[in-house]
Amino acid sequence: NTHQPVTDLSALAKAFSAMASSLMFKQGNLNTVYSTALLSKQVSKTEAIRQFEHFLRLAPDCDFHVPDAHYHLATLYGQQQDRQKVIHHFNRGQQTEDNRLPVFAEVPRSIKDPARKA
């Protein structure tokens, strides 16, 4: 994809290191786990999958980031050609998004569309 932003790998490495350190002290902090998963996507698809799955084990279905995590996983599993997991996570993303509190905004298309295409 030619529309990929240029990534400052040094800054990314520092941010990833800081997130990993914070996880050692706050292993159950949902925002930290979710943010680490997002950063992991830039470094390792396998690690990102592990982090998103970890987040989903910790978070209640009503958490704001749960649908996003499912859509990210659908996209990541699509890159690994795992059709069954793509379908599972896309469907779960839709279910958890439908069940979110009305005060939560819709999941951005930038997250949902790649999952739909996976």
PDB file of N, CA and C in Angstrom:
ATOM      1  N   ASN A   1       0.837  -1.176   0.000  1.00  0.00           N
ATOM      2  CA  ASN A   1       0.000   0.000   0.000  1.00  0.00           C
ATOM      3  C   ASN A   1       0.880   1.237   0.000  1.00  0.00           C
ATOM      4  N   THR A   2       0.729   2.083  -0.985  1.00  0.00           N
ATOM      5  CA  THR A   2       1.572   3.266  -1.101  1.00  0.00           C
ATOM      6  C   THR A   2       1.111   4.402  -0.203  1.00  0.00           C
ATOM      7  N   HIS A   3      -0.017   4.255   0.444  1.00  0.00           N
ATOM      8  CA  HIS A   3      -0.541   5.309   1.302  1.00  0.00           C
ATOM      9  C   HIS A   3      -0.169   5.098   2.768  1.00  0.00           C
ATOM     10  N   GLN A   4       0.799   4.232   3.022  1.00  0.00           N
ATOM     11  CA  GLN A   4       1.243   3.982   4.384  1.00  0.00           C
ATOM     12  C   GLN A   4       2.040   5.189   4.889  1.00  0.00           C
ATOM     13  N   PRO A   5       1.786   5.649   6.117  1.00  0.00           N
ATOM     14  CA  PRO A   5       2.592   6.747   6.647  1.00  0.00           C
ATOM     15  C   PRO A   5       4.014   6.258   6.923  1.00  0.00           C
ATOM     16  N   VAL A   6       4.951   7.177   6.814  1.00  0.00           N
ATOM     17  CA  VAL A   6       6.341   6.838   7.130  1.00  0.00           C
ATOM     18  C   VAL A   6       6.429   6.713   8.643  1.00  0.00           C
ATOM     19  N   THR A   7       7.035   5.638   9.105  1.00  0.00           N
ATOM     20  CA  THR A   7       7.114   5.381  10.532  1.00  0.00           C
ATOM     21  C   THR A   7       8.515   5.677  11.042  1.00  0.00           C
ATOM     22  N   ASP A   8       8.586   6.440  12.119  1.00  0.00           N
ATOM     23  CA  ASP A   8       9.863   6.708  12.778  1.00  0.00           C
ATOM     24  C   ASP A   8      10.133   5.514  13.694  1.00  0.00           C
ATOM     25  N   LEU A   9      10.959   4.590  13.210  1.00  0.00           N
ATOM     26  CA  LEU A   9      11.178   3.340  13.947  1.00  0.00           C
ATOM     27  C   LEU A   9      11.823   3.561  15.300  1.00  0.00           C
ATOM     28  N   SER A  10      12.684   4.555  15.410  1.00  0.00           N
ATOM     29  CA  SER A  10      13.322   4.846  16.689  1.00  0.00           C
ATOM     30  C   SER A  10      12.276   5.284  17.718  1.00  0.00           C
ATOM     31  N   ALA A  11      11.405   6.185  17.317  1.00  0.00           N
ATOM     32  CA  ALA A  11      10.350   6.649  18.225  1.00  0.00           C
ATOM     33  C   ALA A  11       9.398   5.510  18.560  1.00  0.00           C
ATOM     34  N   LEU A  12       9.091   4.688  17.554  1.00  0.00           N
ATOM     35  CA  LEU A  12       8.203   3.553  17.769  1.00  0.00           C
ATOM     36  C   LEU A  12       8.818   2.574  18.762  1.00  0.00           C
ATOM     37  N   ALA A  13      10.103   2.300  18.605  1.00  0.00           N
ATOM     38  CA  ALA A  13      10.794   1.382  19.515  1.00  0.00           C
ATOM     39  C   ALA A  13      10.763   1.921  20.945  1.00  0.00           C
ATOM     40  N   LYS A  14      10.966   3.226  21.102  1.00  0.00           N
ATOM     41  CA  LYS A  14      10.932   3.831  22.442  1.00  0.00           C
ATOM     42  C   LYS A  14       9.535   3.736  23.040  1.00  0.00           C
ATOM     43  N   ALA A  15       8.527   4.006  22.232  1.00  0.00           N
ATOM     44  CA  ALA A  15       7.146   3.932  22.718  1.00  0.00           C
ATOM     45  C   ALA A  15       6.786   2.499  23.099  1.00  0.00           C
ATOM     46  N   PHE A  16       7.190   1.560  22.260  1.00  0.00           N
ATOM     47  CA  PHE A  16       6.896   0.151  22.523  1.00  0.00           C
ATOM     48  C   PHE A  16       7.584  -0.301  23.810  1.00  0.00           C
ATOM     49  N   SER A  17       8.823   0.130  24.000  1.00  0.00           N
ATOM     50  CA  SER A  17       9.572  -0.201  25.210  1.00  0.00           C
ATOM     51  C   SER A  17       8.890   0.377  26.449  1.00  0.00           C
ATOM     52  N   ALA A  18       8.421   1.612  26.338  1.00  0.00           N
ATOM     53  CA  ALA A  18       7.737   2.246  27.469  1.00  0.00           C
ATOM     54  C   ALA A  18       6.443   1.501  27.806  1.00  0.00           C
ATOM     55  N   MET A  19       5.709   1.082  26.781  1.00  0.00           N
ATOM     56  CA  MET A  19       4.468   0.348  27.017  1.00  0.00           C
ATOM     57  C   MET A  19       4.760  -1.007  27.662  1.00  0.00           C
ATOM     58  N   ALA A  20       5.789  -1.669  27.179  1.00  0.00           N
ATOM     59  CA  ALA A  20       6.151  -2.969  27.748  1.00  0.00           C
ATOM     60  C   ALA A  20       6.528  -2.816  29.215  1.00  0.00           C
ATOM     61  N   SER A  21       7.264  -1.759  29.526  1.00  0.00           N
ATOM     62  CA  SER A  21       7.647  -1.506  30.921  1.00  0.00           C
ATOM     63  C   SER A  21       6.419  -1.246  31.780  1.00  0.00           C
ATOM     64  N   SER A  22       5.488  -0.449  31.263  1.00  0.00           N
ATOM     65  CA  SER A  22       4.296  -0.143  32.057  1.00  0.00           C
ATOM     66  C   SER A  22       3.440  -1.389  32.266  1.00  0.00           C
ATOM     67  N   LEU A  23       3.457  -2.308  31.308  1.00  0.00           N
ATOM     68  CA  LEU A  23       2.695  -3.544  31.471  1.00  0.00           C
ATOM     69  C   LEU A  23       3.255  -4.414  32.589  1.00  0.00           C
ATOM     70  N   MET A  24       4.570  -4.292  32.828  1.00  0.00           N
ATOM     71  CA  MET A  24       5.162  -5.074  33.917  1.00  0.00           C
ATOM     72  C   MET A  24       4.581  -4.622  35.258  1.00  0.00           C
ATOM     73  N   PHE A  25       4.246  -3.345  35.364  1.00  0.00           N
ATOM     74  CA  PHE A  25       3.733  -2.809  36.628  1.00  0.00           C
ATOM     75  C   PHE A  25       2.211  -2.805  36.683  1.00  0.00           C
ATOM     76  N   LYS A  26       1.557  -2.701  35.551  1.00  0.00           N
ATOM     77  CA  LYS A  26       0.094  -2.630  35.487  1.00  0.00           C
ATOM     78  C   LYS A  26      -0.415  -3.646  34.481  1.00  0.00           C
ATOM     79  N   GLN A  27      -0.229  -4.918  34.764  1.00  0.00           N
ATOM     80  CA  GLN A  27      -0.553  -5.969  33.801  1.00  0.00           C
ATOM     81  C   GLN A  27      -2.020  -5.997  33.396  1.00  0.00           C
ATOM     82  N   GLY A  28      -2.895  -5.575  34.276  1.00  0.00           N
ATOM     83  CA  GLY A  28      -4.309  -5.646  33.978  1.00  0.00           C
ATOM     84  C   GLY A  28      -4.919  -4.343  33.506  1.00  0.00           C
ATOM     85  N   ASN A  29      -4.095  -3.316  33.290  1.00  0.00           N
ATOM     86  CA  ASN A  29      -4.633  -2.031  32.850  1.00  0.00           C
ATOM     87  C   ASN A  29      -5.074  -2.137  31.394  1.00  0.00           C
ATOM     88  N   LEU A  30      -6.374  -2.059  31.169  1.00  0.00           N
ATOM     89  CA  LEU A  30      -6.931  -2.305  29.837  1.00  0.00           C
ATOM     90  C   LEU A  30      -6.421  -1.320  28.791  1.00  0.00           C
ATOM     91  N   ASN A  31      -6.325  -0.043  29.149  1.00  0.00           N
ATOM     92  CA  ASN A  31      -5.844   0.938  28.178  1.00  0.00           C
ATOM     93  C   ASN A  31      -4.401   0.669  27.781  1.00  0.00           C
ATOM     94  N   THR A  32      -3.597   0.256  28.736  1.00  0.00           N
ATOM     95  CA  THR A  32      -2.192  -0.048  28.441  1.00  0.00           C
ATOM     96  C   THR A  32      -2.086  -1.284  27.553  1.00  0.00           C
ATOM     97  N   VAL A  33      -2.852  -2.310  27.861  1.00  0.00           N
ATOM     98  CA  VAL A  33      -2.823  -3.538  27.061  1.00  0.00           C
ATOM     99  C   VAL A  33      -3.291  -3.245  25.631  1.00  0.00           C
ATOM    100  N   TYR A  34      -4.372  -2.478  25.499  1.00  0.00           N
ATOM    101  CA  TYR A  34      -4.896  -2.147  24.173  1.00  0.00           C
ATOM    102  C   TYR A  34      -3.891  -1.298  23.384  1.00  0.00           C
ATOM    103  N   SER A  35      -3.317  -0.302  24.035  1.00  0.00           N
ATOM    104  CA  SER A  35      -2.336   0.560  23.359  1.00  0.00           C
ATOM    105  C   SER A  35      -1.097  -0.220  22.941  1.00  0.00           C
ATOM    106  N   THR A  36      -0.680  -1.157  23.780  1.00  0.00           N
ATOM    107  CA  THR A  36       0.464  -1.999  23.438  1.00  0.00           C
ATOM    108  C   THR A  36       0.148  -2.856  22.214  1.00  0.00           C
ATOM    109  N   ALA A  37      -1.071  -3.360  22.152  1.00  0.00           N
ATOM    110  CA  ALA A  37      -1.483  -4.161  20.988  1.00  0.00           C
ATOM    111  C   ALA A  37      -1.438  -3.313  19.716  1.00  0.00           C
ATOM    112  N   LEU A  38      -1.916  -2.081  19.809  1.00  0.00           N
ATOM    113  CA  LEU A  38      -1.883  -1.190  18.640  1.00  0.00           C
ATOM    114  C   LEU A  38      -0.450  -0.939  18.184  1.00  0.00           C
ATOM    115  N   LEU A  39       0.438  -0.658  19.132  1.00  0.00           N
ATOM    116  CA  LEU A  39       1.843  -0.437  18.787  1.00  0.00           C
ATOM    117  C   LEU A  39       2.475  -1.700  18.211  1.00  0.00           C
ATOM    118  N   SER A  40       2.084  -2.835  18.742  1.00  0.00           N
ATOM    119  CA  SER A  40       2.645  -4.115  18.292  1.00  0.00           C
ATOM    120  C   SER A  40       2.391  -4.364  16.812  1.00  0.00           C
ATOM    121  N   LYS A  41       1.274  -3.839  16.294  1.00  0.00           N
ATOM    122  CA  LYS A  41       0.945  -4.038  14.881  1.00  0.00           C
ATOM    123  C   LYS A  41       2.062  -3.526  13.978  1.00  0.00           C
ATOM    124  N   GLN A  42       2.775  -2.492  14.423  1.00  0.00           N
ATOM    125  CA  GLN A  42       3.849  -1.909  13.626  1.00  0.00           C
ATOM    126  C   GLN A  42       5.122  -2.748  13.683  1.00  0.00           C
ATOM    127  N   VAL A  43       5.232  -3.587  14.701  1.00  0.00           N
ATOM    128  CA  VAL A  43       6.467  -4.332  14.943  1.00  0.00           C
ATOM    129  C   VAL A  43       6.339  -5.806  14.566  1.00  0.00           C
ATOM    130  N   SER A  44       5.249  -6.435  15.030  1.00  0.00           N
ATOM    131  CA  SER A  44       5.088  -7.875  14.833  1.00  0.00           C
ATOM    132  C   SER A  44       3.601  -8.223  14.827  1.00  0.00           C
ATOM    133  N   LYS A  45       3.143  -8.768  13.713  1.00  0.00           N
ATOM    134  CA  LYS A  45       1.731  -9.165  13.608  1.00  0.00           C
ATOM    135  C   LYS A  45       1.402 -10.238  14.650  1.00  0.00           C
ATOM    136  N   THR A  46       2.326 -11.166  14.851  1.00  0.00           N
ATOM    137  CA  THR A  46       2.113 -12.242  15.824  1.00  0.00           C
ATOM    138  C   THR A  46       1.970 -11.682  17.234  1.00  0.00           C
ATOM    139  N   GLU A  47       2.828 -10.728  17.583  1.00  0.00           N
ATOM    140  CA  GLU A  47       2.764 -10.105  18.909  1.00  0.00           C
ATOM    141  C   GLU A  47       1.478  -9.293  19.051  1.00  0.00           C
ATOM    142  N   ALA A  48       1.075  -8.620  17.985  1.00  0.00           N
ATOM    143  CA  ALA A  48      -0.162  -7.840  18.026  1.00  0.00           C
ATOM    144  C   ALA A  48      -1.355  -8.757  18.277  1.00  0.00           C
ATOM    145  N   ILE A  49      -1.389  -9.887  17.596  1.00  0.00           N
ATOM    146  CA  ILE A  49      -2.473 -10.861  17.812  1.00  0.00           C
ATOM    147  C   ILE A  49      -2.479 -11.309  19.269  1.00  0.00           C
ATOM    148  N   ARG A  50      -1.311 -11.630  19.781  1.00  0.00           N
ATOM    149  CA  ARG A  50      -1.196 -12.072  21.177  1.00  0.00           C
ATOM    150  C   ARG A  50      -1.720 -10.992  22.134  1.00  0.00           C
ATOM    151  N   GLN A  51      -1.345  -9.746  21.879  1.00  0.00           N
ATOM    152  CA  GLN A  51      -1.763  -8.643  22.754  1.00  0.00           C
ATOM    153  C   GLN A  51      -3.268  -8.364  22.658  1.00  0.00           C
ATOM    154  N   PHE A  52      -3.812  -8.383  21.440  1.00  0.00           N
ATOM    155  CA  PHE A  52      -5.258  -8.164  21.296  1.00  0.00           C
ATOM    156  C   PHE A  52      -6.051  -9.295  21.941  1.00  0.00           C
ATOM    157  N   GLU A  53      -5.584 -10.531  21.770  1.00  0.00           N
ATOM    158  CA  GLU A  53      -6.259 -11.672  22.409  1.00  0.00           C
ATOM    159  C   GLU A  53      -6.185 -11.539  23.930  1.00  0.00           C
ATOM    160  N   HIS A  54      -5.043 -11.106  24.437  1.00  0.00           N
ATOM    161  CA  HIS A  54      -4.865 -10.887  25.881  1.00  0.00           C
ATOM    162  C   HIS A  54      -5.847  -9.812  26.360  1.00  0.00           C
ATOM    163  N   PHE A  55      -5.928  -8.723  25.605  1.00  0.00           N
ATOM    164  CA  PHE A  55      -6.862  -7.650  25.949  1.00  0.00           C
ATOM    165  C   PHE A  55      -8.293  -8.186  26.039  1.00  0.00           C
ATOM    166  N   LEU A  56      -8.691  -8.992  25.052  1.00  0.00           N
ATOM    167  CA  LEU A  56     -10.064  -9.514  25.030  1.00  0.00           C
ATOM    168  C   LEU A  56     -10.336 -10.474  26.192  1.00  0.00           C
ATOM    169  N   ARG A  57      -9.304 -11.174  26.664  1.00  0.00           N
ATOM    170  CA  ARG A  57      -9.488 -12.043  27.836  1.00  0.00           C
ATOM    171  C   ARG A  57      -9.709 -11.201  29.098  1.00  0.00           C
ATOM    172  N   LEU A  58      -9.073 -10.025  29.166  1.00  0.00           N
ATOM    173  CA  LEU A  58      -9.168  -9.185  30.355  1.00  0.00           C
ATOM    174  C   LEU A  58     -10.408  -8.292  30.371  1.00  0.00           C
ATOM    175  N   ALA A  59     -10.798  -7.804  29.206  1.00  0.00           N
ATOM    176  CA  ALA A  59     -11.823  -6.765  29.128  1.00  0.00           C
ATOM    177  C   ALA A  59     -13.237  -7.334  29.143  1.00  0.00           C
ATOM    178  N   PRO A  60     -14.136  -6.644  29.832  1.00  0.00           N
ATOM    179  CA  PRO A  60     -15.552  -7.035  29.723  1.00  0.00           C
ATOM    180  C   PRO A  60     -16.057  -6.648  28.335  1.00  0.00           C
ATOM    181  N   ASP A  61     -17.061  -7.354  27.841  1.00  0.00           N
ATOM    182  CA  ASP A  61     -17.604  -7.076  26.501  1.00  0.00           C
ATOM    183  C   ASP A  61     -18.052  -5.628  26.319  1.00  0.00           C
ATOM    184  N   CYS A  62     -18.396  -4.954  27.419  1.00  0.00           N
ATOM    185  CA  CYS A  62     -18.900  -3.584  27.319  1.00  0.00           C
ATOM    186  C   CYS A  62     -17.774  -2.552  27.227  1.00  0.00           C
ATOM    187  N   ASP A  63     -16.503  -2.985  27.326  1.00  0.00           N
ATOM    188  CA  ASP A  63     -15.394  -2.032  27.227  1.00  0.00           C
ATOM    189  C   ASP A  63     -15.398  -1.352  25.857  1.00  0.00           C
ATOM    190  N   PHE A  64     -15.089  -0.072  25.860  1.00  0.00           N
ATOM    191  CA  PHE A  64     -15.106   0.751  24.649  1.00  0.00           C
ATOM    192  C   PHE A  64     -14.265   0.163  23.514  1.00  0.00           C
ATOM    193  N   HIS A  65     -13.115  -0.445  23.838  1.00  0.00           N
ATOM    194  CA  HIS A  65     -12.183  -0.919  22.812  1.00  0.00           C
ATOM    195  C   HIS A  65     -12.429  -2.351  22.341  1.00  0.00           C
ATOM    196  N   VAL A  66     -13.369  -3.069  22.944  1.00  0.00           N
ATOM    197  CA  VAL A  66     -13.589  -4.478  22.578  1.00  0.00           C
ATOM    198  C   VAL A  66     -13.958  -4.649  21.097  1.00  0.00           C
ATOM    199  N   PRO A  67     -14.918  -3.895  20.559  1.00  0.00           N
ATOM    200  CA  PRO A  67     -15.216  -4.080  19.128  1.00  0.00           C
ATOM    201  C   PRO A  67     -13.995  -3.783  18.246  1.00  0.00           C
ATOM    202  N   ASP A  68     -13.266  -2.703  18.585  1.00  0.00           N
ATOM    203  CA  ASP A  68     -12.068  -2.333  17.820  1.00  0.00           C
ATOM    204  C   ASP A  68     -11.063  -3.482  17.822  1.00  0.00           C
ATOM    205  N   ALA A  69     -10.859  -4.082  18.997  1.00  0.00           N
ATOM    206  CA  ALA A  69      -9.899  -5.182  19.110  1.00  0.00           C
ATOM    207  C   ALA A  69     -10.316  -6.353  18.224  1.00  0.00           C
ATOM    208  N   HIS A  70     -11.603  -6.654  18.207  1.00  0.00           N
ATOM    209  CA  HIS A  70     -12.090  -7.741  17.343  1.00  0.00           C
ATOM    210  C   HIS A  70     -11.843  -7.414  15.865  1.00  0.00           C
ATOM    211  N   TYR A  71     -12.106  -6.169  15.466  1.00  0.00           N
ATOM    212  CA  TYR A  71     -11.883  -5.783  14.062  1.00  0.00           C
ATOM    213  C   TYR A  71     -10.391  -5.824  13.712  1.00  0.00           C
ATOM    214  N   HIS A  72      -9.544  -5.368  14.641  1.00  0.00           N
ATOM    215  CA  HIS A  72      -8.093  -5.458  14.401  1.00  0.00           C
ATOM    216  C   HIS A  72      -7.666  -6.919  14.230  1.00  0.00           C
ATOM    217  N   LEU A  73      -8.213  -7.789  15.075  1.00  0.00           N
ATOM    218  CA  LEU A  73      -7.876  -9.211  14.969  1.00  0.00           C
ATOM    219  C   LEU A  73      -8.369  -9.808  13.654  1.00  0.00           C
ATOM    220  N   ALA A  74      -9.555  -9.415  13.218  1.00  0.00           N
ATOM    221  CA  ALA A  74     -10.055  -9.910  11.932  1.00  0.00           C
ATOM    222  C   ALA A  74      -9.079  -9.529  10.818  1.00  0.00           C
ATOM    223  N   THR A  75      -8.596  -8.299  10.843  1.00  0.00           N
ATOM    224  CA  THR A  75      -7.642  -7.833   9.831  1.00  0.00           C
ATOM    225  C   THR A  75      -6.326  -8.605   9.920  1.00  0.00           C
ATOM    226  N   LEU A  76      -5.814  -8.764  11.138  1.00  0.00           N
ATOM    227  CA  LEU A  76      -4.536  -9.473  11.324  1.00  0.00           C
ATOM    228  C   LEU A  76      -4.651 -10.940  10.904  1.00  0.00           C
ATOM    229  N   TYR A  77      -5.732 -11.598  11.291  1.00  0.00           N
ATOM    230  CA  TYR A  77      -5.916 -12.994  10.899  1.00  0.00           C
ATOM    231  C   TYR A  77      -6.131 -13.112   9.389  1.00  0.00           C
ATOM    232  N   GLY A  78      -6.706 -12.087   8.781  1.00  0.00           N
ATOM    233  CA  GLY A  78      -6.844 -12.074   7.325  1.00  0.00           C
ATOM    234  C   GLY A  78      -5.490 -12.072   6.637  1.00  0.00           C
ATOM    235  N   GLN A  79      -4.545 -11.355   7.221  1.00  0.00           N
ATOM    236  CA  GLN A  79      -3.184 -11.328   6.669  1.00  0.00           C
ATOM    237  C   GLN A  79      -2.496 -12.679   6.818  1.00  0.00           C
ATOM    238  N   GLN A  80      -2.980 -13.473   7.767  1.00  0.00           N
ATOM    239  CA  GLN A  80      -2.432 -14.818   7.969  1.00  0.00           C
ATOM    240  C   GLN A  80      -3.273 -15.885   7.266  1.00  0.00           C
ATOM    241  N   GLN A  81      -4.262 -15.453   6.513  1.00  0.00           N
ATOM    242  CA  GLN A  81      -5.134 -16.363   5.756  1.00  0.00           C
ATOM    243  C   GLN A  81      -5.917 -17.324   6.652  1.00  0.00           C
ATOM    244  N   ASP A  82      -6.259 -16.877   7.880  1.00  0.00           N
ATOM    245  CA  ASP A  82      -7.037 -17.726   8.793  1.00  0.00           C
ATOM    246  C   ASP A  82      -8.507 -17.306   8.719  1.00  0.00           C
ATOM    247  N   ARG A  83      -9.197 -17.839   7.730  1.00  0.00           N
ATOM    248  CA  ARG A  83     -10.571 -17.441   7.411  1.00  0.00           C
ATOM    249  C   ARG A  83     -11.534 -17.607   8.581  1.00  0.00           C
ATOM    250  N   GLN A  84     -11.421 -18.714   9.288  1.00  0.00           N
ATOM    251  CA  GLN A  84     -12.335 -18.991  10.395  1.00  0.00           C
ATOM    252  C   GLN A  84     -12.220 -17.918  11.486  1.00  0.00           C
ATOM    253  N   LYS A  85     -10.997 -17.521  11.814  1.00  0.00           N
ATOM    254  CA  LYS A  85     -10.803 -16.501  12.852  1.00  0.00           C
ATOM    255  C   LYS A  85     -11.202 -15.116  12.352  1.00  0.00           C
ATOM    256  N   VAL A  86     -11.031 -14.866  11.059  1.00  0.00           N
ATOM    257  CA  VAL A  86     -11.480 -13.591  10.479  1.00  0.00           C
ATOM    258  C   VAL A  86     -12.982 -13.459  10.691  1.00  0.00           C
ATOM    259  N   ILE A  87     -13.714 -14.482  10.311  1.00  0.00           N
ATOM    260  CA  ILE A  87     -15.180 -14.462  10.416  1.00  0.00           C
ATOM    261  C   ILE A  87     -15.609 -14.332  11.877  1.00  0.00           C
ATOM    262  N   HIS A  88     -14.968 -15.111  12.752  1.00  0.00           N
ATOM    263  CA  HIS A  88     -15.305 -15.064  14.182  1.00  0.00           C
ATOM    264  C   HIS A  88     -15.129 -13.655  14.735  1.00  0.00           C
ATOM    265  N   HIS A  89     -13.963 -13.066  14.506  1.00  0.00           N
ATOM    266  CA  HIS A  89     -13.687 -11.758  15.109  1.00  0.00           C
ATOM    267  C   HIS A  89     -14.480 -10.637  14.446  1.00  0.00           C
ATOM    268  N   PHE A  90     -14.741 -10.740  13.149  1.00  0.00           N
ATOM    269  CA  PHE A  90     -15.566  -9.717  12.515  1.00  0.00           C
ATOM    270  C   PHE A  90     -16.988  -9.764  13.085  1.00  0.00           C
ATOM    271  N   ASN A  91     -17.529 -10.979  13.219  1.00  0.00           N
ATOM    272  CA  ASN A  91     -18.877 -11.128  13.786  1.00  0.00           C
ATOM    273  C   ASN A  91     -18.942 -10.653  15.232  1.00  0.00           C
ATOM    274  N   ARG A  92     -17.926 -11.012  16.015  1.00  0.00           N
ATOM    275  CA  ARG A  92     -17.885 -10.568  17.420  1.00  0.00           C
ATOM    276  C   ARG A  92     -17.738  -9.048  17.496  1.00  0.00           C
ATOM    277  N   GLY A  93     -16.976  -8.474  16.578  1.00  0.00           N
ATOM    278  CA  GLY A  93     -16.845  -7.020  16.534  1.00  0.00           C
ATOM    279  C   GLY A  93     -18.196  -6.369  16.311  1.00  0.00           C
ATOM    280  N   GLN A  94     -18.964  -6.916  15.362  1.00  0.00           N
ATOM    281  CA  GLN A  94     -20.296  -6.372  15.086  1.00  0.00           C
ATOM    282  C   GLN A  94     -21.223  -6.533  16.290  1.00  0.00           C
ATOM    283  N   GLN A  95     -21.186  -7.717  16.912  1.00  0.00           N
ATOM    284  CA  GLN A  95     -22.053  -7.971  18.068  1.00  0.00           C
ATOM    285  C   GLN A  95     -21.727  -7.022  19.218  1.00  0.00           C
ATOM    286  N   THR A  96     -20.444  -6.912  19.538  1.00  0.00           N
ATOM    287  CA  THR A  96     -20.070  -6.076  20.684  1.00  0.00           C
ATOM    288  C   THR A  96     -20.275  -4.600  20.370  1.00  0.00           C
ATOM    289  N   GLU A  97     -20.132  -4.219  19.105  1.00  0.00           N
ATOM    290  CA  GLU A  97     -20.399  -2.824  18.733  1.00  0.00           C
ATOM    291  C   GLU A  97     -21.894  -2.526  18.867  1.00  0.00           C
ATOM    292  N   ASP A  98     -22.740  -3.454  18.428  1.00  0.00           N
ATOM    293  CA  ASP A  98     -24.191  -3.281  18.548  1.00  0.00           C
ATOM    294  C   ASP A  98     -24.641  -3.177  20.003  1.00  0.00           C
ATOM    295  N   ASN A  99     -23.916  -3.850  20.903  1.00  0.00           N
ATOM    296  CA  ASN A  99     -24.284  -3.872  22.317  1.00  0.00           C
ATOM    297  C   ASN A  99     -23.654  -2.749  23.136  1.00  0.00           C
ATOM    298  N   ARG A 100     -22.825  -1.914  22.479  1.00  0.00           N
ATOM    299  CA  ARG A 100     -22.177  -0.823  23.224  1.00  0.00           C
ATOM    300  C   ARG A 100     -23.200   0.201  23.695  1.00  0.00           C
ATOM    301  N   LEU A 101     -22.840   0.908  24.734  1.00  0.00           N
ATOM    302  CA  LEU A 101     -23.696   1.980  25.224  1.00  0.00           C
ATOM    303  C   LEU A 101     -23.834   3.054  24.153  1.00  0.00           C
ATOM    304  N   PRO A 102     -25.000   3.678  24.072  1.00  0.00           N
ATOM    305  CA  PRO A 102     -25.233   4.671  23.013  1.00  0.00           C
ATOM    306  C   PRO A 102     -24.301   5.888  23.089  1.00  0.00           C
ATOM    307  N   VAL A 103     -23.691   6.134  24.244  1.00  0.00           N
ATOM    308  CA  VAL A 103     -22.789   7.287  24.361  1.00  0.00           C
ATOM    309  C   VAL A 103     -21.463   7.060  23.632  1.00  0.00           C
ATOM    310  N   PHE A 104     -21.149   5.811  23.308  1.00  0.00           N
ATOM    311  CA  PHE A 104     -19.906   5.502  22.603  1.00  0.00           C
ATOM    312  C   PHE A 104     -20.080   5.768  21.118  1.00  0.00           C
ATOM    313  N   ALA A 105     -19.083   6.385  20.527  1.00  0.00           N
ATOM    314  CA  ALA A 105     -19.101   6.649  19.090  1.00  0.00           C
ATOM    315  C   ALA A 105     -18.974   5.335  18.325  1.00  0.00           C
ATOM    316  N   GLU A 106     -19.364   5.371  17.061  1.00  0.00           N
ATOM    317  CA  GLU A 106     -19.209   4.214  16.193  1.00  0.00           C
ATOM    318  C   GLU A 106     -17.730   3.895  16.014  1.00  0.00           C
ATOM    319  N   VAL A 107     -17.420   2.644  15.740  1.00  0.00           N
ATOM    320  CA  VAL A 107     -16.040   2.264  15.439  1.00  0.00           C
ATOM    321  C   VAL A 107     -15.649   2.960  14.133  1.00  0.00           C
ATOM    322  N   PRO A 108     -14.482   3.613  14.112  1.00  0.00           N
ATOM    323  CA  PRO A 108     -14.062   4.314  12.891  1.00  0.00           C
ATOM    324  C   PRO A 108     -13.944   3.376  11.691  1.00  0.00           C
ATOM    325  N   ARG A 109     -14.277   3.895  10.524  1.00  0.00           N
ATOM    326  CA  ARG A 109     -14.190   3.095   9.294  1.00  0.00           C
ATOM    327  C   ARG A 109     -12.761   2.642   9.037  1.00  0.00           C
ATOM    328  N   SER A 110     -11.785   3.422   9.500  1.00  0.00           N
ATOM    329  CA  SER A 110     -10.386   3.053   9.288  1.00  0.00           C
ATOM    330  C   SER A 110     -10.035   1.748  10.000  1.00  0.00           C
ATOM    331  N   ILE A 111     -10.814   1.383  11.000  1.00  0.00           N
ATOM    332  CA  ILE A 111     -10.611   0.112  11.715  1.00  0.00           C
ATOM    333  C   ILE A 111     -11.531  -0.965  11.134  1.00  0.00           C
ATOM    334  N   LYS A 112     -12.773  -0.573  10.863  1.00  0.00           N
ATOM    335  CA  LYS A 112     -13.790  -1.536  10.446  1.00  0.00           C
ATOM    336  C   LYS A 112     -13.619  -1.996   8.992  1.00  0.00           C
ATOM    337  N   ASP A 113     -13.312  -1.080   8.083  1.00  0.00           N
ATOM    338  CA  ASP A 113     -13.231  -1.434   6.652  1.00  0.00           C
ATOM    339  C   ASP A 113     -12.165  -2.482   6.333  1.00  0.00           C
ATOM    340  N   PRO A 114     -10.933  -2.350   6.878  1.00  0.00           N
ATOM    341  CA  PRO A 114      -9.955  -3.416   6.593  1.00  0.00           C
ATOM    342  C   PRO A 114     -10.407  -4.788   7.121  1.00  0.00           C
ATOM    343  N   ALA A 115     -11.131  -4.788   8.256  1.00  0.00           N
ATOM    344  CA  ALA A 115     -11.648  -6.041   8.798  1.00  0.00           C
ATOM    345  C   ALA A 115     -12.712  -6.621   7.880  1.00  0.00           C
ATOM    346  N   ARG A 116     -13.547  -5.753   7.331  1.00  0.00           N
ATOM    347  CA  ARG A 116     -14.608  -6.200   6.411  1.00  0.00           C
ATOM    348  C   ARG A 116     -13.985  -6.814   5.152  1.00  0.00           C
ATOM    349  N   LYS A 117     -12.886  -6.234   4.685  1.00  0.00           N
ATOM    350  CA  LYS A 117     -12.234  -6.719   3.464  1.00  0.00           C
ATOM    351  C   LYS A 117     -11.432  -7.988   3.706  1.00  0.00           C
ATOM    352  N   ALA A 118     -11.040  -8.233   4.969  1.00  0.00           N
ATOM    353  CA  ALA A 118     -10.235  -9.417   5.283  1.00  0.00           C
ATOM    354  C   ALA A 118     -11.039 -10.657   5.004  1.00  0.00           C
TER     355      ALA A 118
END
